[in-house]
C-alpha atoms as a PDB file:
ATOM      1  CA  UNK A   1     -37.461  32.629 -11.018  1.00  0.00           C
ATOM      2  CA  UNK A   2     -35.541  29.435 -10.009  1.00  0.00           C
ATOM      3  CA  UNK A   3     -35.814  27.943  -6.537  1.00  0.00           C
ATOM      4  CA  UNK A   4     -33.099  26.831  -4.695  1.00  0.00           C
ATOM      5  CA  UNK A   5     -34.087  23.832  -5.030  1.00  0.00           C
ATOM      6  CA  UNK A   6     -34.540  24.142  -8.180  1.00  0.00           C
ATOM      7  CA  UNK A   7     -31.233  24.908  -8.836  1.00  0.00           C
ATOM      8  CA  UNK A   8     -29.510  22.440  -6.471  1.00  0.00           C
ATOM      9  CA  UNK A   9     -31.074  19.542  -8.264  1.00  0.00           C
ATOM     10  CA  UNK A  10     -29.216  17.024 -10.552  1.00  0.00           C
ATOM     11  CA  UNK A  11     -28.843  18.233 -14.427  1.00  0.00           C
ATOM     12  CA  UNK A  12     -27.529  14.711 -16.330  1.00  0.00           C
ATOM     13  CA  UNK A  13     -26.110  14.399 -19.799  1.00  0.00           C
ATOM     14  CA  UNK A  14     -24.541  11.964 -22.107  1.00  0.00           C
ATOM     15  CA  UNK A  15     -21.486  13.727 -24.007  1.00  0.00           C
ATOM     16  CA  UNK A  16     -19.979  13.174 -27.489  1.00  0.00           C
ATOM     17  CA  UNK A  17     -18.185  10.156 -26.380  1.00  0.00           C
ATOM     18  CA  UNK A  18     -21.174   8.916 -24.516  1.00  0.00           C
ATOM     19  CA  UNK A  19     -19.902   9.715 -21.206  1.00  0.00           C
ATOM     20  CA  UNK A  20     -22.362  10.579 -18.547  1.00  0.00           C
ATOM     21  CA  UNK A  21     -22.264  13.498 -16.828  1.00  0.00           C
ATOM     22  CA  UNK A  22     -24.739  14.730 -13.661  1.00  0.00           C
ATOM     23  CA  UNK A  23     -23.686  18.554 -12.032  1.00  0.00           C
ATOM     24  CA  UNK A  24     -26.502  20.486 -10.237  1.00  0.00           C
ATOM     25  CA  UNK A  25     -28.285  22.985 -12.852  1.00  0.00           C
ATOM     26  CA  UNK A  26     -26.384  25.596 -11.004  1.00  0.00           C
ATOM     27  CA  UNK A  27     -23.280  24.623 -12.447  1.00  0.00           C
ATOM     28  CA  UNK A  28     -24.569  24.652 -15.960  1.00  0.00           C
ATOM     29  CA  UNK A  29     -25.787  28.239 -15.921  1.00  0.00           C
ATOM     30  CA  UNK A  30     -22.749  29.462 -14.338  1.00  0.00           C
ATOM     31  CA  UNK A  31     -21.342  28.109 -17.207  1.00  0.00           C
ATOM     32  CA  UNK A  32     -23.613  29.270 -19.434  1.00  0.00           C
ATOM     33  CA  UNK A  33     -22.980  32.665 -18.302  1.00  0.00           C
ATOM     34  CA  UNK A  34     -19.234  32.730 -18.463  1.00  0.00           C
ATOM     35  CA  UNK A  35     -19.132  30.912 -21.511  1.00  0.00           C
ATOM     36  CA  UNK A  36     -21.047  33.530 -23.321  1.00  0.00           C
ATOM     37  CA  UNK A  37     -18.651  36.495 -21.712  1.00  0.00           C
ATOM     38  CA  UNK A  38     -15.608  34.339 -23.292  1.00  0.00           C
ATOM     39  CA  UNK A  39     -17.297  34.435 -27.024  1.00  0.00           C
ATOM     40  CA  UNK A  40     -18.886  38.138 -26.455  1.00  0.00           C
ATOM     41  CA  UNK A  41     -14.983  39.763 -25.949  1.00  0.00           C
ATOM     42  CA  UNK A  42     -13.925  37.469 -28.684  1.00  0.00           C
ATOM     43  CA  UNK A  43     -16.055  39.240 -31.132  1.00  0.00           C
ATOM     44  CA  UNK A  44     -15.246  41.949 -30.059  1.00  0.00           C
ATOM     45  CA  UNK A  45     -11.562  41.813 -29.875  1.00  0.00           C
ATOM     46  CA  UNK A  46     -12.195  40.745 -33.698  1.00  0.00           C
ATOM     47  CA  UNK A  47     -13.462  43.799 -34.335  1.00  0.00           C
ATOM     48  CA  UNK A  48     -11.096  45.859 -32.952  1.00  0.00           C
ATOM     49  CA  UNK A  49      -8.342  44.717 -34.691  1.00  0.00           C
ATOM     50  CA  UNK A  50     -10.180  44.307 -38.024  1.00  0.00           C
ATOM     51  CA  UNK A  51     -10.388  48.778 -37.513  1.00  0.00           C
ATOM     52  CA  UNK A  52     -14.421  48.804 -36.300  1.00  0.00           C
ATOM     53  CA  UNK A  53     -15.980  49.661 -33.194  1.00  0.00           C
ATOM     54  CA  UNK A  54     -17.476  46.995 -30.659  1.00  0.00           C
ATOM     55  CA  UNK A  55     -21.282  47.317 -30.438  1.00  0.00           C
ATOM     56  CA  UNK A  56     -22.224  47.205 -27.208  1.00  0.00           C
ATOM     57  CA  UNK A  57     -22.034  43.600 -25.955  1.00  0.00           C
ATOM     58  CA  UNK A  58     -23.965  43.614 -22.595  1.00  0.00           C
ATOM     59  CA  UNK A  59     -27.587  42.190 -21.841  1.00  0.00           C
ATOM     60  CA  UNK A  60     -28.576  45.195 -20.395  1.00  0.00           C
ATOM     61  CA  UNK A  61     -28.720  47.146 -23.906  1.00  0.00           C
ATOM     62  CA  UNK A  62     -31.107  44.680 -25.457  1.00  0.00           C
ATOM     63  CA  UNK A  63     -33.459  44.588 -22.770  1.00  0.00           C
ATOM     64  CA  UNK A  64     -36.796  46.808 -22.247  1.00  0.00           C
ATOM     65  CA  UNK A  65     -37.509  48.608 -19.147  1.00  0.00           C
ATOM     66  CA  UNK A  66     -40.391  45.917 -16.803  1.00  0.00           C
END
């Protein structure tokens, strides 16, 4: 429900080395989605290597209609 203006607003944080960064919120949202996809793929790959069937990992499987 975020607006285009809200997604364009700056998000500022300080990293573990003490450096401050500022980016539009939309870039943080994109990173979050991309990063979680990467880790779901890692889990599925590891499970398959161990001989297990991988569970459904798509968000649609964990949300109810409506």
